[in-house]
N, C-alpha and C. Protein backbone atom coordinates (compact mmCIF):
# COMPACT_ATOMS: atom_id res chain seq x y z
N UNK A 1 23.18 -12.83 22.84
CA UNK A 1 22.76 -11.98 21.73
C UNK A 1 21.24 -11.83 21.76
N UNK A 2 20.78 -10.61 21.78
CA UNK A 2 19.34 -10.37 21.78
C UNK A 2 18.80 -10.52 20.37
N UNK A 3 17.53 -10.65 20.27
CA UNK A 3 16.87 -10.81 18.97
C UNK A 3 16.54 -9.42 18.43
N UNK A 4 17.56 -8.73 17.90
CA UNK A 4 17.37 -7.36 17.41
C UNK A 4 16.76 -7.35 16.03
N UNK A 5 15.66 -6.65 15.92
CA UNK A 5 15.04 -6.46 14.62
C UNK A 5 15.45 -5.07 14.14
N UNK A 6 15.75 -4.95 12.86
CA UNK A 6 16.09 -3.65 12.29
C UNK A 6 14.84 -3.06 11.66
N UNK A 7 14.47 -1.88 12.14
CA UNK A 7 13.35 -1.15 11.56
C UNK A 7 13.95 -0.21 10.51
N UNK A 8 13.50 -0.35 9.28
CA UNK A 8 14.06 0.46 8.19
C UNK A 8 13.18 1.67 7.93
N UNK A 9 13.84 2.80 7.73
CA UNK A 9 13.17 4.06 7.43
C UNK A 9 13.55 4.45 6.01
N UNK A 10 12.55 4.69 5.17
CA UNK A 10 12.81 5.06 3.78
C UNK A 10 13.06 6.56 3.62
N UNK A 11 13.23 6.97 2.39
CA UNK A 11 13.42 8.39 2.08
C UNK A 11 12.11 9.13 2.34
N UNK A 12 12.20 10.29 2.98
CA UNK A 12 11.02 11.10 3.34
C UNK A 12 10.08 10.29 4.22
N UNK A 13 10.66 9.58 5.20
CA UNK A 13 9.92 8.69 6.07
C UNK A 13 10.44 8.88 7.49
N UNK A 14 9.69 8.37 8.47
CA UNK A 14 10.15 8.39 9.86
C UNK A 14 9.53 7.22 10.60
N UNK A 15 10.17 6.85 11.72
CA UNK A 15 9.63 5.79 12.56
C UNK A 15 10.29 5.89 13.92
N UNK A 16 9.77 5.14 14.88
CA UNK A 16 10.38 5.09 16.21
C UNK A 16 10.59 3.63 16.60
N UNK A 17 11.51 3.41 17.56
CA UNK A 17 11.80 2.07 18.06
C UNK A 17 12.04 2.12 19.57
N UNK A 18 11.86 0.93 20.16
CA UNK A 18 12.26 0.68 21.55
C UNK A 18 13.08 -0.60 21.52
N UNK A 19 13.96 -0.80 22.50
CA UNK A 19 14.74 -2.04 22.53
C UNK A 19 13.81 -3.25 22.52
N UNK A 20 14.24 -4.36 21.92
CA UNK A 20 15.59 -4.61 21.40
C UNK A 20 15.79 -4.16 19.96
N UNK A 21 14.84 -3.44 19.40
CA UNK A 21 14.94 -3.05 17.99
C UNK A 21 15.95 -1.92 17.78
N UNK A 22 16.54 -1.90 16.60
CA UNK A 22 17.39 -0.80 16.17
C UNK A 22 16.76 -0.20 14.92
N UNK A 23 17.20 1.00 14.56
CA UNK A 23 16.57 1.71 13.45
C UNK A 23 17.64 2.14 12.45
N UNK A 24 17.32 2.02 11.14
CA UNK A 24 18.32 2.27 10.10
C UNK A 24 17.70 3.01 8.93
N UNK A 25 18.52 3.85 8.29
CA UNK A 25 18.15 4.40 6.99
C UNK A 25 19.40 4.41 6.13
N UNK A 26 19.18 4.20 4.83
CA UNK A 26 20.30 4.24 3.90
C UNK A 26 19.99 5.23 2.79
N UNK A 27 20.96 5.50 1.97
CA UNK A 27 20.75 6.43 0.86
C UNK A 27 20.77 7.88 1.28
N UNK A 28 21.49 8.18 2.37
CA UNK A 28 21.62 9.59 2.77
C UNK A 28 22.70 10.24 1.92
N UNK A 29 22.27 10.99 0.93
CA UNK A 29 23.19 11.80 0.13
C UNK A 29 23.05 13.22 0.65
N UNK A 30 22.28 14.03 -0.07
CA UNK A 30 22.00 15.39 0.40
C UNK A 30 20.95 15.38 1.50
N UNK A 31 20.25 14.25 1.67
CA UNK A 31 19.27 14.12 2.75
C UNK A 31 19.99 14.08 4.10
N UNK A 32 19.24 14.40 5.17
CA UNK A 32 19.80 14.34 6.51
C UNK A 32 19.00 13.33 7.33
N UNK A 33 19.71 12.43 7.97
CA UNK A 33 19.10 11.50 8.92
C UNK A 33 19.15 12.14 10.29
N UNK A 34 17.99 12.33 10.90
CA UNK A 34 17.90 12.93 12.23
C UNK A 34 17.45 11.85 13.21
N UNK A 35 18.30 11.56 14.18
CA UNK A 35 17.96 10.61 15.23
C UNK A 35 17.65 11.42 16.49
N UNK A 36 16.46 11.22 17.03
CA UNK A 36 16.08 11.82 18.30
C UNK A 36 15.88 10.67 19.28
N UNK A 37 16.38 10.83 20.51
CA UNK A 37 16.25 9.73 21.47
C UNK A 37 16.20 10.24 22.90
N UNK A 38 15.53 9.46 23.73
CA UNK A 38 15.49 9.69 25.17
C UNK A 38 16.23 8.50 25.77
N UNK A 39 17.44 8.74 26.28
CA UNK A 39 18.28 7.65 26.77
C UNK A 39 17.74 7.00 28.04
N UNK A 40 16.86 7.69 28.77
CA UNK A 40 16.29 7.10 29.98
C UNK A 40 15.15 6.16 29.67
N UNK A 41 14.23 6.58 28.79
CA UNK A 41 13.10 5.71 28.44
C UNK A 41 13.46 4.75 27.30
N UNK A 42 14.62 4.95 26.69
CA UNK A 42 15.11 4.09 25.59
C UNK A 42 14.19 4.12 24.37
N UNK A 43 13.57 5.26 24.11
CA UNK A 43 12.76 5.43 22.91
C UNK A 43 13.59 6.26 21.93
N UNK A 44 13.64 5.82 20.68
CA UNK A 44 14.41 6.55 19.67
C UNK A 44 13.59 6.66 18.39
N UNK A 45 13.80 7.74 17.67
CA UNK A 45 13.14 7.94 16.39
C UNK A 45 14.13 8.40 15.35
N UNK A 46 13.79 8.15 14.11
CA UNK A 46 14.66 8.53 12.99
C UNK A 46 13.80 9.10 11.88
N UNK A 47 14.21 10.25 11.37
CA UNK A 47 13.55 10.86 10.21
C UNK A 47 14.59 11.00 9.10
N UNK A 48 14.19 10.67 7.87
CA UNK A 48 15.04 10.79 6.68
C UNK A 48 14.53 12.02 5.93
N UNK A 49 15.16 13.16 6.19
CA UNK A 49 14.68 14.46 5.69
C UNK A 49 15.30 14.78 4.33
N UNK A 50 14.43 15.11 3.37
CA UNK A 50 14.86 15.39 2.00
C UNK A 50 15.11 16.87 1.72
N UNK A 51 14.26 17.72 2.29
CA UNK A 51 14.29 19.15 1.94
C UNK A 51 14.19 20.01 3.19
N UNK A 52 14.72 21.24 3.11
CA UNK A 52 14.76 22.09 4.31
C UNK A 52 13.42 22.64 4.78
N UNK A 53 12.51 22.93 3.86
CA UNK A 53 11.35 23.73 4.26
C UNK A 53 10.09 23.28 3.54
N UNK A 54 9.03 23.07 4.29
CA UNK A 54 7.76 22.61 3.71
C UNK A 54 7.09 23.67 2.84
N UNK A 55 7.57 24.90 2.88
CA UNK A 55 7.02 25.92 1.98
C UNK A 55 7.34 25.60 0.53
N UNK A 56 8.27 24.66 0.33
CA UNK A 56 8.59 24.20 -1.03
C UNK A 56 7.56 23.20 -1.53
N UNK A 57 6.66 22.77 -0.62
CA UNK A 57 5.68 21.73 -0.97
C UNK A 57 4.61 22.26 -1.91
N UNK A 58 4.17 21.39 -2.76
CA UNK A 58 3.02 21.71 -3.58
C UNK A 58 1.78 21.55 -2.70
N UNK A 59 0.67 22.06 -3.13
CA UNK A 59 -0.53 21.96 -2.31
C UNK A 59 -1.03 20.52 -2.27
N UNK A 60 -1.90 20.23 -1.34
CA UNK A 60 -2.43 18.88 -1.20
C UNK A 60 -1.88 18.22 0.04
N UNK A 61 -1.92 16.90 0.07
CA UNK A 61 -1.42 16.17 1.23
C UNK A 61 0.09 16.33 1.33
N UNK A 62 0.54 16.85 2.48
CA UNK A 62 1.96 17.08 2.67
C UNK A 62 2.56 15.95 3.50
N UNK A 63 3.69 15.44 3.07
CA UNK A 63 4.43 14.43 3.80
C UNK A 63 5.33 15.15 4.81
N UNK A 64 4.94 15.13 6.09
CA UNK A 64 5.69 15.85 7.12
C UNK A 64 7.11 15.32 7.29
N UNK A 65 7.35 14.05 7.00
CA UNK A 65 8.67 13.45 7.17
C UNK A 65 9.69 13.99 6.16
N UNK A 66 9.21 14.62 5.11
CA UNK A 66 10.08 15.06 4.02
C UNK A 66 10.86 16.33 4.33
N UNK A 67 10.35 17.15 5.26
CA UNK A 67 10.91 18.49 5.47
C UNK A 67 11.43 18.67 6.90
N UNK A 68 12.56 19.38 7.01
CA UNK A 68 13.17 19.63 8.31
C UNK A 68 12.22 20.35 9.26
N UNK A 69 11.50 21.33 8.75
CA UNK A 69 10.67 22.15 9.65
C UNK A 69 9.40 21.45 10.11
N UNK A 70 9.06 20.30 9.56
CA UNK A 70 7.88 19.57 10.02
C UNK A 70 8.23 18.20 10.62
N UNK A 71 9.27 17.55 10.11
CA UNK A 71 9.62 16.19 10.55
C UNK A 71 10.06 16.13 12.00
N UNK A 72 10.90 17.07 12.42
CA UNK A 72 11.48 17.00 13.76
C UNK A 72 10.39 17.15 14.83
N UNK A 73 9.50 18.10 14.63
CA UNK A 73 8.40 18.29 15.58
C UNK A 73 7.50 17.05 15.64
N UNK A 74 7.22 16.48 14.48
CA UNK A 74 6.39 15.27 14.40
C UNK A 74 7.07 14.10 15.12
N UNK A 75 8.38 13.96 14.92
CA UNK A 75 9.13 12.87 15.54
C UNK A 75 9.13 13.02 17.06
N UNK A 76 9.26 14.22 17.56
CA UNK A 76 9.21 14.47 19.01
C UNK A 76 7.87 13.99 19.56
N UNK A 77 6.79 14.32 18.86
CA UNK A 77 5.45 13.90 19.31
C UNK A 77 5.34 12.38 19.37
N UNK A 78 5.88 11.68 18.37
CA UNK A 78 5.84 10.22 18.36
C UNK A 78 6.63 9.62 19.53
N UNK A 79 7.78 10.22 19.83
CA UNK A 79 8.61 9.73 20.93
C UNK A 79 7.90 9.94 22.27
N UNK A 80 7.30 11.11 22.45
CA UNK A 80 6.57 11.40 23.69
C UNK A 80 5.37 10.46 23.85
N UNK A 81 4.66 10.20 22.76
CA UNK A 81 3.52 9.27 22.82
C UNK A 81 3.97 7.86 23.21
N UNK A 82 5.23 7.53 22.94
CA UNK A 82 5.74 6.18 23.25
C UNK A 82 6.47 6.13 24.59
N UNK A 83 6.36 7.19 25.37
CA UNK A 83 6.94 7.17 26.71
C UNK A 83 8.17 8.02 26.91
N UNK A 84 8.66 8.66 25.86
CA UNK A 84 9.81 9.55 26.00
C UNK A 84 9.40 10.87 26.64
N UNK A 85 10.36 11.57 27.21
CA UNK A 85 10.10 12.87 27.82
C UNK A 85 10.84 13.95 27.02
N UNK A 86 10.12 14.95 26.56
CA UNK A 86 10.72 15.96 25.69
C UNK A 86 11.98 16.61 26.27
N UNK A 87 12.02 16.96 27.58
CA UNK A 87 13.24 17.59 28.09
C UNK A 87 14.47 16.69 28.04
N UNK A 88 14.27 15.37 27.91
CA UNK A 88 15.39 14.43 27.89
C UNK A 88 15.83 14.07 26.48
N UNK A 89 15.11 14.53 25.47
CA UNK A 89 15.42 14.15 24.09
C UNK A 89 16.69 14.85 23.60
N UNK A 90 17.56 14.04 23.00
CA UNK A 90 18.80 14.55 22.40
C UNK A 90 18.80 14.15 20.92
N UNK A 91 19.71 14.75 20.15
CA UNK A 91 19.75 14.50 18.72
C UNK A 91 21.15 14.16 18.24
N UNK A 92 21.19 13.32 17.21
CA UNK A 92 22.40 13.05 16.43
C UNK A 92 21.97 13.10 14.98
N UNK A 93 22.82 13.70 14.14
CA UNK A 93 22.46 13.84 12.73
C UNK A 93 23.61 13.40 11.83
N UNK A 94 23.24 12.97 10.62
CA UNK A 94 24.24 12.58 9.62
C UNK A 94 23.67 12.80 8.23
N UNK A 95 24.55 13.06 7.29
CA UNK A 95 24.14 13.27 5.90
C UNK A 95 24.43 14.69 5.46
N UNK A 96 23.59 15.18 4.58
CA UNK A 96 23.75 16.55 4.10
C UNK A 96 24.95 16.74 3.19
N UNK A 97 25.29 15.70 2.45
CA UNK A 97 26.44 15.80 1.54
C UNK A 97 26.10 16.66 0.33
N UNK A 98 27.12 17.22 -0.26
CA UNK A 98 26.99 17.92 -1.53
C UNK A 98 27.35 16.88 -2.58
N UNK A 99 26.34 16.23 -3.13
CA UNK A 99 26.57 15.06 -3.98
C UNK A 99 27.07 15.41 -5.38
N UNK A 100 26.80 16.61 -5.84
CA UNK A 100 27.20 16.99 -7.19
C UNK A 100 27.87 18.35 -7.15
N UNK A 101 28.81 18.55 -8.02
CA UNK A 101 29.48 19.84 -8.11
C UNK A 101 28.82 20.66 -9.20
N UNK A 102 28.43 21.88 -8.84
CA UNK A 102 27.78 22.76 -9.80
C UNK A 102 28.68 23.97 -10.04
N UNK A 103 28.71 24.41 -11.29
CA UNK A 103 29.53 25.58 -11.60
C UNK A 103 28.84 26.85 -11.15
N UNK A 104 27.52 26.85 -11.16
CA UNK A 104 26.81 28.06 -10.70
C UNK A 104 26.87 28.09 -9.18
N UNK A 105 26.95 29.26 -8.63
CA UNK A 105 26.98 29.41 -7.18
C UNK A 105 25.59 29.46 -6.59
N UNK A 106 24.62 28.97 -7.31
CA UNK A 106 23.23 29.05 -6.89
C UNK A 106 23.00 28.35 -5.56
N UNK A 107 22.36 29.05 -4.63
CA UNK A 107 22.04 28.49 -3.32
C UNK A 107 21.04 27.34 -3.45
N UNK A 108 20.23 27.36 -4.52
CA UNK A 108 19.23 26.33 -4.74
C UNK A 108 19.87 24.95 -4.90
N UNK A 109 21.09 24.91 -5.41
CA UNK A 109 21.75 23.64 -5.65
C UNK A 109 22.46 23.10 -4.41
N UNK A 110 22.55 23.88 -3.35
CA UNK A 110 23.23 23.45 -2.12
C UNK A 110 22.24 22.74 -1.20
N UNK A 111 21.56 21.72 -1.70
CA UNK A 111 20.51 21.05 -0.92
C UNK A 111 21.08 20.45 0.37
N UNK A 112 22.18 19.71 0.29
CA UNK A 112 22.76 19.08 1.48
C UNK A 112 23.07 20.08 2.59
N UNK A 113 23.90 21.09 2.30
CA UNK A 113 24.20 22.09 3.34
C UNK A 113 22.95 22.83 3.85
N UNK A 114 22.01 23.10 2.95
CA UNK A 114 20.77 23.77 3.38
C UNK A 114 19.95 22.87 4.28
N UNK A 115 19.93 21.57 4.00
CA UNK A 115 19.22 20.62 4.86
C UNK A 115 19.84 20.60 6.26
N UNK A 116 21.17 20.57 6.33
CA UNK A 116 21.86 20.55 7.63
C UNK A 116 21.53 21.82 8.42
N UNK A 117 21.62 22.97 7.76
CA UNK A 117 21.30 24.25 8.43
C UNK A 117 19.87 24.25 8.95
N UNK A 118 18.93 23.79 8.13
CA UNK A 118 17.51 23.79 8.53
C UNK A 118 17.28 22.85 9.71
N UNK A 119 17.92 21.69 9.71
CA UNK A 119 17.77 20.74 10.82
C UNK A 119 18.31 21.36 12.11
N UNK A 120 19.48 21.97 12.03
CA UNK A 120 20.08 22.58 13.23
C UNK A 120 19.21 23.73 13.76
N UNK A 121 18.67 24.54 12.86
CA UNK A 121 17.79 25.64 13.29
C UNK A 121 16.56 25.09 14.00
N UNK A 122 15.99 24.02 13.46
CA UNK A 122 14.78 23.44 14.04
C UNK A 122 15.08 22.81 15.41
N UNK A 123 16.21 22.13 15.53
CA UNK A 123 16.60 21.55 16.83
C UNK A 123 16.77 22.66 17.87
N UNK A 124 17.41 23.74 17.45
CA UNK A 124 17.62 24.87 18.37
C UNK A 124 16.28 25.48 18.78
N UNK A 125 15.40 25.67 17.81
CA UNK A 125 14.08 26.26 18.09
C UNK A 125 13.29 25.41 19.08
N UNK A 126 13.45 24.09 18.99
CA UNK A 126 12.70 23.17 19.85
C UNK A 126 13.47 22.78 21.13
N UNK A 127 14.61 23.44 21.36
CA UNK A 127 15.45 23.18 22.55
C UNK A 127 15.90 21.72 22.67
N UNK A 128 16.28 21.14 21.53
CA UNK A 128 16.81 19.77 21.51
C UNK A 128 18.33 19.88 21.36
N UNK A 129 19.06 19.26 22.29
CA UNK A 129 20.53 19.31 22.25
C UNK A 129 21.07 18.40 21.16
N UNK A 130 21.91 18.96 20.30
CA UNK A 130 22.60 18.19 19.26
C UNK A 130 23.90 17.69 19.88
N UNK A 131 24.01 16.38 20.08
CA UNK A 131 25.18 15.82 20.75
C UNK A 131 26.22 15.24 19.80
N UNK A 132 25.87 15.10 18.52
CA UNK A 132 26.84 14.57 17.57
C UNK A 132 26.36 14.71 16.15
N UNK A 133 27.31 14.90 15.24
CA UNK A 133 26.95 15.00 13.82
C UNK A 133 28.08 14.52 12.94
N UNK A 134 27.70 13.99 11.80
CA UNK A 134 28.61 13.61 10.73
C UNK A 134 27.94 14.09 9.45
N UNK A 135 28.23 15.34 9.08
CA UNK A 135 27.53 15.96 7.96
C UNK A 135 28.51 16.53 6.95
N UNK A 136 27.97 16.83 5.77
CA UNK A 136 28.78 17.44 4.71
C UNK A 136 29.54 16.42 3.90
N UNK A 137 30.61 16.88 3.29
CA UNK A 137 31.39 16.01 2.41
C UNK A 137 30.64 15.76 1.12
N UNK A 138 31.04 14.73 0.38
CA UNK A 138 30.35 14.41 -0.86
C UNK A 138 30.15 12.92 -1.05
N UNK A 139 30.03 12.20 0.08
CA UNK A 139 29.78 10.75 0.02
C UNK A 139 28.46 10.40 0.70
N UNK A 140 27.81 9.37 0.17
CA UNK A 140 26.57 8.89 0.75
C UNK A 140 26.81 8.13 2.05
N UNK A 141 25.76 8.02 2.86
CA UNK A 141 25.87 7.36 4.16
C UNK A 141 24.67 6.46 4.43
N UNK A 142 24.91 5.45 5.26
CA UNK A 142 23.87 4.63 5.86
C UNK A 142 24.06 4.75 7.36
N UNK A 143 22.97 4.98 8.10
CA UNK A 143 23.09 5.12 9.54
C UNK A 143 22.19 4.12 10.25
N UNK A 144 22.63 3.74 11.45
CA UNK A 144 21.89 2.78 12.27
C UNK A 144 22.03 3.20 13.73
N UNK A 145 20.90 3.25 14.44
CA UNK A 145 20.91 3.71 15.83
C UNK A 145 20.37 2.62 16.74
N UNK A 146 21.09 2.41 17.85
CA UNK A 146 20.69 1.44 18.86
C UNK A 146 20.24 2.19 20.11
N UNK A 147 18.94 2.11 20.47
CA UNK A 147 18.45 2.87 21.63
C UNK A 147 19.00 2.36 22.97
N UNK A 148 19.58 1.16 23.00
CA UNK A 148 20.16 0.66 24.25
C UNK A 148 21.49 1.36 24.52
N UNK A 149 22.37 1.39 23.51
CA UNK A 149 23.71 1.98 23.69
C UNK A 149 23.73 3.48 23.35
N UNK A 150 22.70 3.95 22.65
CA UNK A 150 22.62 5.33 22.14
C UNK A 150 23.76 5.63 21.17
N UNK A 151 24.25 4.59 20.49
CA UNK A 151 25.30 4.77 19.51
C UNK A 151 24.71 4.85 18.11
N UNK A 152 25.22 5.82 17.35
CA UNK A 152 24.85 5.97 15.96
C UNK A 152 26.01 5.47 15.12
N UNK A 153 25.77 4.39 14.39
CA UNK A 153 26.78 3.82 13.50
C UNK A 153 26.58 4.44 12.12
N UNK A 154 27.66 4.98 11.56
CA UNK A 154 27.59 5.66 10.27
C UNK A 154 28.53 4.97 9.30
N UNK A 155 27.95 4.40 8.24
CA UNK A 155 28.75 3.77 7.19
C UNK A 155 28.78 4.73 6.02
N UNK A 156 29.97 5.25 5.73
CA UNK A 156 30.15 6.22 4.66
C UNK A 156 30.80 5.54 3.48
N UNK A 157 30.28 5.81 2.28
CA UNK A 157 30.82 5.21 1.06
C UNK A 157 32.32 5.47 0.97
N UNK A 158 33.09 4.40 0.77
CA UNK A 158 34.55 4.44 0.62
C UNK A 158 35.31 4.94 1.86
N UNK A 159 34.62 5.03 3.02
CA UNK A 159 35.32 5.53 4.21
C UNK A 159 35.11 4.64 5.44
N UNK A 160 34.39 3.55 5.29
CA UNK A 160 34.22 2.65 6.43
C UNK A 160 33.13 3.12 7.39
N UNK A 161 33.24 2.61 8.64
CA UNK A 161 32.21 2.86 9.66
C UNK A 161 32.78 3.70 10.78
N UNK A 162 32.00 4.66 11.26
CA UNK A 162 32.35 5.42 12.45
C UNK A 162 31.16 5.39 13.41
N UNK A 163 31.43 5.67 14.69
CA UNK A 163 30.39 5.65 15.72
C UNK A 163 30.29 7.02 16.37
N UNK A 164 29.06 7.50 16.49
CA UNK A 164 28.79 8.77 17.20
C UNK A 164 28.06 8.43 18.48
């Protein structure tokens, strides 16, 4: 058994790991956890994205980890700085649940689905292959990624654990 340390990523936060460390975030409701990894260099990063677009930001210091359109690009840069190669980076995502039911059909209330759409658009724009996802539904998730096995463990409330 290796001495694996778990690096925790908070809401609107991001970080990267190399073996033997693994990376985890919890509290993914409408938020989307984006894992980017280079399986050859064994560098992995995780962003806990809250909102689809930084244009929703108020002026001042902007937290790039909070938005799909800024977090993914930033995470790629961190992985490359740590020895990853951009053409080899792949993605796995989880979250984007619709946590509350609204009677109005307002698109503004569809934060989870909008987050998932924004993440996928950004991955496509940056030519990052999405190899697995566990998104939608209405249950919260905790995810954990191991850069050695490239497995994403997803613990969903009342549904147990699945592996991507």
